[in-house]
PDB file of all heavy atoms in Angstrom:
ATOM      1  N   GLY A   1      79.273  32.680 -41.329  1.00  0.00           N
ATOM      2  CA  GLY A   1      78.159  33.631 -41.441  1.00  0.00           C
ATOM      3  C   GLY A   1      77.464  33.698 -42.760  1.00  0.00           C
ATOM      4  O   GLY A   1      76.584  34.554 -42.961  1.00  0.00           O
ATOM      5  N   LEU A   2      77.814  32.810 -43.707  1.00  0.00           N
ATOM      6  CA  LEU A   2      77.199  32.878 -45.022  1.00  0.00           C
ATOM      7  C   LEU A   2      75.683  32.671 -44.973  1.00  0.00           C
ATOM      8  O   LEU A   2      74.952  33.240 -45.788  1.00  0.00           O
ATOM      9  CB  LEU A   2      77.802  31.829 -45.954  1.00  0.00           C
ATOM     10  CG  LEU A   2      79.287  32.008 -46.316  1.00  0.00           C
ATOM     11  CD1 LEU A   2      79.739  30.951 -47.317  1.00  0.00           C
ATOM     12  CD2 LEU A   2      79.537  33.396 -46.869  1.00  0.00           C
ATOM     13  N   GLU A   3      75.238  31.895 -43.992  1.00  0.00           N
ATOM     14  CA  GLU A   3      73.799  31.603 -43.903  1.00  0.00           C
ATOM     15  C   GLU A   3      73.011  32.820 -43.469  1.00  0.00           C
ATOM     16  O   GLU A   3      71.757  32.875 -43.594  1.00  0.00           O
ATOM     17  CB  GLU A   3      73.552  30.458 -42.898  1.00  0.00           C
ATOM     18  CG  GLU A   3      73.782  30.774 -41.431  1.00  0.00           C
ATOM     19  CD  GLU A   3      75.246  30.842 -41.034  1.00  0.00           C
ATOM     20  OE1 GLU A   3      76.134  30.558 -41.870  1.00  0.00           O
ATOM     21  OE2 GLU A   3      75.512  31.165 -39.841  1.00  0.00           O
ATOM     22  N   THR A   4      73.659  33.881 -42.991  1.00  0.00           N
ATOM     23  CA  THR A   4      72.974  35.091 -42.559  1.00  0.00           C
ATOM     24  C   THR A   4      72.888  36.149 -43.680  1.00  0.00           C
ATOM     25  O   THR A   4      72.270  37.184 -43.491  1.00  0.00           O
ATOM     26  CB  THR A   4      73.700  35.761 -41.368  1.00  0.00           C
ATOM     27  OG1 THR A   4      74.926  36.381 -41.817  1.00  0.00           O
ATOM     28  CG2 THR A   4      74.035  34.731 -40.285  1.00  0.00           C
ATOM     29  N   LEU A   5      73.487  35.887 -44.813  1.00  0.00           N
ATOM     30  CA  LEU A   5      73.582  36.839 -45.890  1.00  0.00           C
ATOM     31  C   LEU A   5      72.565  36.602 -47.004  1.00  0.00           C
ATOM     32  O   LEU A   5      72.110  35.478 -47.191  1.00  0.00           O
ATOM     33  CB  LEU A   5      74.995  36.816 -46.495  1.00  0.00           C
ATOM     34  CG  LEU A   5      76.188  36.949 -45.536  1.00  0.00           C
ATOM     35  CD1 LEU A   5      77.486  36.827 -46.295  1.00  0.00           C
ATOM     36  CD2 LEU A   5      76.108  38.260 -44.766  1.00  0.00           C
ATOM     37  N   LYS A   6      72.262  37.668 -47.714  1.00  0.00           N
ATOM     38  CA  LYS A   6      71.472  37.553 -48.940  1.00  0.00           C
ATOM     39  C   LYS A   6      72.305  37.991 -50.082  1.00  0.00           C
ATOM     40  O   LYS A   6      72.707  39.147 -50.212  1.00  0.00           O
ATOM     41  CB  LYS A   6      70.225  38.419 -48.859  1.00  0.00           C
ATOM     42  CG  LYS A   6      69.368  38.302 -50.141  1.00  0.00           C
ATOM     43  CD  LYS A   6      68.130  39.178 -50.089  1.00  0.00           C
ATOM     44  CE  LYS A   6      67.317  39.049 -51.374  1.00  0.00           C
ATOM     45  NZ  LYS A   6      66.096  39.879 -51.351  1.00  0.00           N
ATOM     46  N   PHE A   7      72.658  37.017 -50.955  1.00  0.00           N
ATOM     47  CA  PHE A   7      73.395  37.306 -52.171  1.00  0.00           C
ATOM     48  C   PHE A   7      72.415  37.667 -53.278  1.00  0.00           C
ATOM     49  O   PHE A   7      71.442  36.912 -53.533  1.00  0.00           O
ATOM     50  CB  PHE A   7      74.235  36.114 -52.591  1.00  0.00           C
ATOM     51  CG  PHE A   7      75.393  35.811 -51.680  1.00  0.00           C
ATOM     52  CD1 PHE A   7      75.263  34.975 -50.605  1.00  0.00           C
ATOM     53  CD2 PHE A   7      76.644  36.401 -51.952  1.00  0.00           C
ATOM     54  CE1 PHE A   7      76.339  34.718 -49.757  1.00  0.00           C
ATOM     55  CE2 PHE A   7      77.702  36.131 -51.140  1.00  0.00           C
ATOM     56  CZ  PHE A   7      77.578  35.304 -50.031  1.00  0.00           C
ATOM     57  N   LEU A   8      72.601  38.812 -53.897  1.00  0.00           N
ATOM     58  CA  LEU A   8      71.713  39.231 -54.980  1.00  0.00           C
ATOM     59  C   LEU A   8      72.009  38.433 -56.237  1.00  0.00           C
ATOM     60  O   LEU A   8      73.113  37.900 -56.404  1.00  0.00           O
ATOM     61  CB  LEU A   8      71.889  40.717 -55.233  1.00  0.00           C
ATOM     62  CG  LEU A   8      71.594  41.641 -54.044  1.00  0.00           C
ATOM     63  CD1 LEU A   8      71.855  43.092 -54.433  1.00  0.00           C
ATOM     64  CD2 LEU A   8      70.148  41.454 -53.588  1.00  0.00           C
ATOM     65  N   PRO A   9      71.053  38.304 -57.135  1.00  0.00           N
ATOM     66  CA  PRO A   9      71.322  37.570 -58.405  1.00  0.00           C
ATOM     67  C   PRO A   9      72.488  38.204 -59.142  1.00  0.00           C
ATOM     68  O   PRO A   9      72.595  39.405 -59.327  1.00  0.00           O
ATOM     69  CB  PRO A   9      70.023  37.803 -59.174  1.00  0.00           C
ATOM     70  CG  PRO A   9      68.958  37.970 -58.125  1.00  0.00           C
ATOM     71  CD  PRO A   9      69.647  38.745 -57.020  1.00  0.00           C
ATOM     72  N   GLY A  10      73.431  37.322 -59.506  1.00  0.00           N
ATOM     73  CA  GLY A  10      74.648  37.793 -60.170  1.00  0.00           C
ATOM     74  C   GLY A  10      75.807  38.025 -59.226  1.00  0.00           C
ATOM     75  O   GLY A  10      76.901  38.445 -59.679  1.00  0.00           O
ATOM     76  N   ALA A  11      75.686  37.734 -57.937  1.00  0.00           N
ATOM     77  CA  ALA A  11      76.711  38.023 -56.947  1.00  0.00           C
ATOM     78  C   ALA A  11      77.977  37.217 -57.229  1.00  0.00           C
ATOM     79  O   ALA A  11      77.926  36.012 -57.535  1.00  0.00           O
ATOM     80  CB  ALA A  11      76.232  37.762 -55.552  1.00  0.00           C
ATOM     81  N   LEU A  12      79.126  37.886 -57.068  1.00  0.00           N
ATOM     82  CA  LEU A  12      80.452  37.234 -57.198  1.00  0.00           C
ATOM     83  C   LEU A  12      81.050  37.166 -55.794  1.00  0.00           C
ATOM     84  O   LEU A  12      81.054  38.160 -55.087  1.00  0.00           O
ATOM     85  CB  LEU A  12      81.366  38.010 -58.117  1.00  0.00           C
ATOM     86  CG  LEU A  12      80.826  38.405 -59.499  1.00  0.00           C
ATOM     87  CD1 LEU A  12      81.925  39.094 -60.308  1.00  0.00           C
ATOM     88  CD2 LEU A  12      80.289  37.199 -60.249  1.00  0.00           C
ATOM     89  N   ALA A  13      81.640  36.029 -55.410  1.00  0.00           N
ATOM     90  CA  ALA A  13      82.212  35.912 -54.084  1.00  0.00           C
ATOM     91  C   ALA A  13      83.327  34.893 -54.070  1.00  0.00           C
ATOM     92  O   ALA A  13      83.187  33.832 -54.661  1.00  0.00           O
ATOM     93  CB  ALA A  13      81.108  35.495 -53.064  1.00  0.00           C
ATOM     94  N   ASP A  14      84.406  35.192 -53.374  1.00  0.00           N
ATOM     95  CA  ASP A  14      85.512  34.243 -53.287  1.00  0.00           C
ATOM     96  C   ASP A  14      86.407  34.570 -52.077  1.00  0.00           C
ATOM     97  O   ASP A  14      86.311  35.685 -51.536  1.00  0.00           O
ATOM     98  CB  ASP A  14      86.382  34.270 -54.570  1.00  0.00           C
ATOM     99  CG  ASP A  14      86.958  35.621 -54.856  1.00  0.00           C
ATOM    100  OD1 ASP A  14      87.960  35.994 -54.207  1.00  0.00           O
ATOM    101  OD2 ASP A  14      86.438  36.352 -55.758  1.00  0.00           O
ATOM    102  N   HIS A  15      87.204  33.606 -51.649  1.00  0.00           N
ATOM    103  CA  HIS A  15      88.112  33.793 -50.562  1.00  0.00           C
ATOM    104  C   HIS A  15      89.486  33.315 -50.962  1.00  0.00           C
ATOM    105  O   HIS A  15      89.643  32.332 -51.688  1.00  0.00           O
ATOM    106  CB  HIS A  15      87.652  33.074 -49.280  1.00  0.00           C
ATOM    107  CG  HIS A  15      87.485  31.587 -49.430  1.00  0.00           C
ATOM    108  ND1 HIS A  15      86.767  30.978 -50.409  1.00  0.00           N
ATOM    109  CD2 HIS A  15      88.018  30.573 -48.673  1.00  0.00           C
ATOM    110  CE1 HIS A  15      86.833  29.658 -50.275  1.00  0.00           C
ATOM    111  NE2 HIS A  15      87.580  29.392 -49.228  1.00  0.00           N
ATOM    112  N   LEU A  16      90.518  34.028 -50.507  1.00  0.00           N
ATOM    113  CA  LEU A  16      91.894  33.654 -50.801  1.00  0.00           C
ATOM    114  C   LEU A  16      92.345  32.603 -49.801  1.00  0.00           C
ATOM    115  O   LEU A  16      92.506  32.894 -48.602  1.00  0.00           O
ATOM    116  CB  LEU A  16      92.829  34.896 -50.788  1.00  0.00           C
ATOM    117  CG  LEU A  16      94.221  34.684 -51.389  1.00  0.00           C
ATOM    118  CD1 LEU A  16      94.786  36.048 -51.880  1.00  0.00           C
ATOM    119  CD2 LEU A  16      95.188  34.086 -50.390  1.00  0.00           C
ATOM    120  N   THR A  17      92.528  31.400 -50.283  1.00  0.00           N
ATOM    121  CA  THR A  17      93.050  30.300 -49.493  1.00  0.00           C
ATOM    122  C   THR A  17      93.629  29.281 -50.447  1.00  0.00           C
ATOM    123  O   THR A  17      93.506  29.419 -51.663  1.00  0.00           O
ATOM    124  CB  THR A  17      91.947  29.686 -48.611  1.00  0.00           C
ATOM    125  OG1 THR A  17      92.533  28.841 -47.635  1.00  0.00           O
ATOM    126  CG2 THR A  17      90.935  28.903 -49.405  1.00  0.00           C
ATOM    127  N   SER A  18      94.266  28.257 -49.918  1.00  0.00           N
ATOM    128  CA  SER A  18      95.046  27.349 -50.792  1.00  0.00           C
ATOM    129  C   SER A  18      94.188  26.477 -51.698  1.00  0.00           C
ATOM    130  O   SER A  18      94.529  26.269 -52.849  1.00  0.00           O
ATOM    131  CB  SER A  18      95.949  26.442 -49.954  1.00  0.00           C
ATOM    132  OG  SER A  18      96.865  27.228 -49.238  1.00  0.00           O
ATOM    133  N   PHE A  19      93.097  25.958 -51.193  1.00  0.00           N
ATOM    134  CA  PHE A  19      92.364  24.936 -51.921  1.00  0.00           C
ATOM    135  C   PHE A  19      90.870  25.204 -52.102  1.00  0.00           C
ATOM    136  O   PHE A  19      90.046  24.295 -52.034  1.00  0.00           O
ATOM    137  CB  PHE A  19      92.577  23.554 -51.245  1.00  0.00           C
ATOM    138  CG  PHE A  19      94.028  23.169 -51.137  1.00  0.00           C
ATOM    139  CD1 PHE A  19      94.699  23.222 -49.964  1.00  0.00           C
ATOM    140  CD2 PHE A  19      94.708  22.725 -52.282  1.00  0.00           C
ATOM    141  CE1 PHE A  19      96.065  22.860 -49.871  1.00  0.00           C
ATOM    142  CE2 PHE A  19      96.035  22.375 -52.203  1.00  0.00           C
ATOM    143  CZ  PHE A  19      96.715  22.435 -51.030  1.00  0.00           C
ATOM    144  N   GLY A  20      90.558  26.465 -52.374  1.00  0.00           N
ATOM    145  CA  GLY A  20      89.155  26.824 -52.601  1.00  0.00           C
ATOM    146  C   GLY A  20      88.618  26.200 -53.868  1.00  0.00           C
ATOM    147  O   GLY A  20      87.377  26.087 -54.043  1.00  0.00           O
ATOM    148  N   GLY A  21      89.471  25.793 -54.803  1.00  0.00           N
ATOM    149  CA  GLY A  21      89.026  25.146 -56.018  1.00  0.00           C
ATOM    150  C   GLY A  21      89.002  23.628 -55.966  1.00  0.00           C
ATOM    151  O   GLY A  21      88.600  22.989 -56.945  1.00  0.00           O
ATOM    152  N   ASP A  22      89.374  23.076 -54.832  1.00  0.00           N
ATOM    153  CA  ASP A  22      89.289  21.639 -54.635  1.00  0.00           C
ATOM    154  C   ASP A  22      87.861  21.301 -54.186  1.00  0.00           C
ATOM    155  O   ASP A  22      87.558  21.248 -52.996  1.00  0.00           O
ATOM    156  CB  ASP A  22      90.335  21.168 -53.584  1.00  0.00           C
ATOM    157  CG  ASP A  22      90.298  19.671 -53.334  1.00  0.00           C
ATOM    158  OD1 ASP A  22      89.522  18.967 -54.004  1.00  0.00           O
ATOM    159  OD2 ASP A  22      91.035  19.220 -52.437  1.00  0.00           O
ATOM    160  N   LEU A  23      86.973  21.108 -55.152  1.00  0.00           N
ATOM    161  CA  LEU A  23      85.539  21.023 -54.853  1.00  0.00           C
ATOM    162  C   LEU A  23      85.173  19.838 -53.979  1.00  0.00           C
ATOM    163  O   LEU A  23      84.111  19.814 -53.352  1.00  0.00           O
ATOM    164  CB  LEU A  23      84.741  21.001 -56.143  1.00  0.00           C
ATOM    165  CG  LEU A  23      84.964  22.187 -57.087  1.00  0.00           C
ATOM    166  CD1 LEU A  23      83.997  22.095 -58.279  1.00  0.00           C
ATOM    167  CD2 LEU A  23      84.848  23.523 -56.382  1.00  0.00           C
ATOM    168  N   ASN A  24      86.047  18.817 -53.925  1.00  0.00           N
ATOM    169  CA  ASN A  24      85.797  17.661 -53.063  1.00  0.00           C
ATOM    170  C   ASN A  24      86.491  17.832 -51.698  1.00  0.00           C
ATOM    171  O   ASN A  24      86.404  16.972 -50.837  1.00  0.00           O
ATOM    172  CB  ASN A  24      86.298  16.384 -53.677  1.00  0.00           C
ATOM    173  CG  ASN A  24      85.390  15.898 -54.806  1.00  0.00           C
ATOM    174  OD1 ASN A  24      84.242  16.329 -54.901  1.00  0.00           O
ATOM    175  ND2 ASN A  24      85.898  15.048 -55.690  1.00  0.00           N
ATOM    176  N   GLY A  25      87.180  18.942 -51.502  1.00  0.00           N
ATOM    177  CA  GLY A  25      87.947  19.180 -50.296  1.00  0.00           C
ATOM    178  C   GLY A  25      87.096  19.309 -49.034  1.00  0.00           C
ATOM    179  O   GLY A  25      85.969  19.801 -49.084  1.00  0.00           O
ATOM    180  N   LYS A  26      87.655  18.876 -47.909  1.00  0.00           N
ATOM    181  CA  LYS A  26      86.963  18.887 -46.622  1.00  0.00           C
ATOM    182  C   LYS A  26      87.625  19.783 -45.584  1.00  0.00           C
ATOM    183  O   LYS A  26      87.030  20.098 -44.553  1.00  0.00           O
ATOM    184  CB  LYS A  26      86.876  17.479 -46.043  1.00  0.00           C
ATOM    185  CG  LYS A  26      86.260  16.445 -46.968  1.00  0.00           C
ATOM    186  CD  LYS A  26      84.810  16.749 -47.288  1.00  0.00           C
ATOM    187  CE  LYS A  26      84.211  15.664 -48.177  1.00  0.00           C
ATOM    188  NZ  LYS A  26      82.794  15.984 -48.554  1.00  0.00           N
ATOM    189  N   HIS A  27      88.859  20.228 -45.844  1.00  0.00           N
ATOM    190  CA  HIS A  27      89.617  20.922 -44.846  1.00  0.00           C
ATOM    191  C   HIS A  27      89.580  22.436 -44.963  1.00  0.00           C
ATOM    192  O   HIS A  27      90.005  23.165 -44.068  1.00  0.00           O
ATOM    193  CB  HIS A  27      91.090  20.440 -44.828  1.00  0.00           C
ATOM    194  CG  HIS A  27      91.229  18.963 -44.633  1.00  0.00           C
ATOM    195  ND1 HIS A  27      90.889  18.366 -43.436  1.00  0.00           N
ATOM    196  CD2 HIS A  27      91.628  17.973 -45.465  1.00  0.00           C
ATOM    197  CE1 HIS A  27      91.098  17.059 -43.537  1.00  0.00           C
ATOM    198  NE2 HIS A  27      91.541  16.802 -44.740  1.00  0.00           N
ATOM    199  N   GLN A  28      89.087  22.933 -46.088  1.00  0.00           N
ATOM    200  CA  GLN A  28      88.907  24.379 -46.297  1.00  0.00           C
ATOM    201  C   GLN A  28      87.598  24.598 -47.016  1.00  0.00           C
ATOM    202  O   GLN A  28      87.132  23.710 -47.725  1.00  0.00           O
ATOM    203  CB  GLN A  28      90.059  24.962 -47.122  1.00  0.00           C
ATOM    204  CG  GLN A  28      91.416  24.911 -46.434  1.00  0.00           C
ATOM    205  CD  GLN A  28      92.495  25.628 -47.258  1.00  0.00           C
ATOM    206  OE1 GLN A  28      92.293  25.956 -48.415  1.00  0.00           O
ATOM    207  NE2 GLN A  28      93.649  25.841 -46.616  1.00  0.00           N
ATOM    208  N   ALA A  29      87.036  25.763 -46.850  1.00  0.00           N
ATOM    209  CA  ALA A  29      85.839  26.088 -47.626  1.00  0.00           C
ATOM    210  C   ALA A  29      86.182  26.141 -49.094  1.00  0.00           C
ATOM    211  O   ALA A  29      87.327  26.501 -49.466  1.00  0.00           O
ATOM    212  CB  ALA A  29      85.285  27.437 -47.166  1.00  0.00           C
ATOM    213  N   THR A  30      85.257  25.749 -49.930  1.00  0.00           N
ATOM    214  CA  THR A  30      85.518  25.716 -51.367  1.00  0.00           C
ATOM    215  C   THR A  30      84.587  26.700 -52.104  1.00  0.00           C
ATOM    216  O   THR A  30      83.674  27.300 -51.491  1.00  0.00           O
ATOM    217  CB  THR A  30      85.315  24.308 -51.954  1.00  0.00           C
ATOM    218  OG1 THR A  30      83.885  24.057 -52.044  1.00  0.00           O
ATOM    219  CG2 THR A  30      85.991  23.236 -51.091  1.00  0.00           C
ATOM    220  N   ALA A  31      84.831  26.845 -53.378  1.00  0.00           N
ATOM    221  CA  ALA A  31      83.980  27.697 -54.184  1.00  0.00           C
ATOM    222  C   ALA A  31      82.517  27.277 -54.130  1.00  0.00           C
ATOM    223  O   ALA A  31      81.601  28.100 -54.259  1.00  0.00           O
ATOM    224  CB  ALA A  31      84.449  27.736 -55.648  1.00  0.00           C
ATOM    225  N   LEU A  32      82.268  25.983 -53.898  1.00  0.00           N
ATOM    226  CA  LEU A  32      80.891  25.485 -53.800  1.00  0.00           C
ATOM    227  C   LEU A  32      80.156  26.052 -52.594  1.00  0.00           C
ATOM    228  O   LEU A  32      78.947  26.196 -52.645  1.00  0.00           O
ATOM    229  CB  LEU A  32      80.862  23.966 -53.771  1.00  0.00           C
ATOM    230  CG  LEU A  32      81.239  23.238 -55.069  1.00  0.00           C
ATOM    231  CD1 LEU A  32      81.136  21.720 -54.855  1.00  0.00           C
ATOM    232  CD2 LEU A  32      80.353  23.676 -56.209  1.00  0.00           C
TER     233      LEU A  32
END
């Protein structure tokens, strides 16, 4: 549902999962 949201300038957002910082990862959503 991220495409339905409007993030305001300066918004902080994250999810708790194992590999959110693996920016090349394909099996979980990442910080990108």
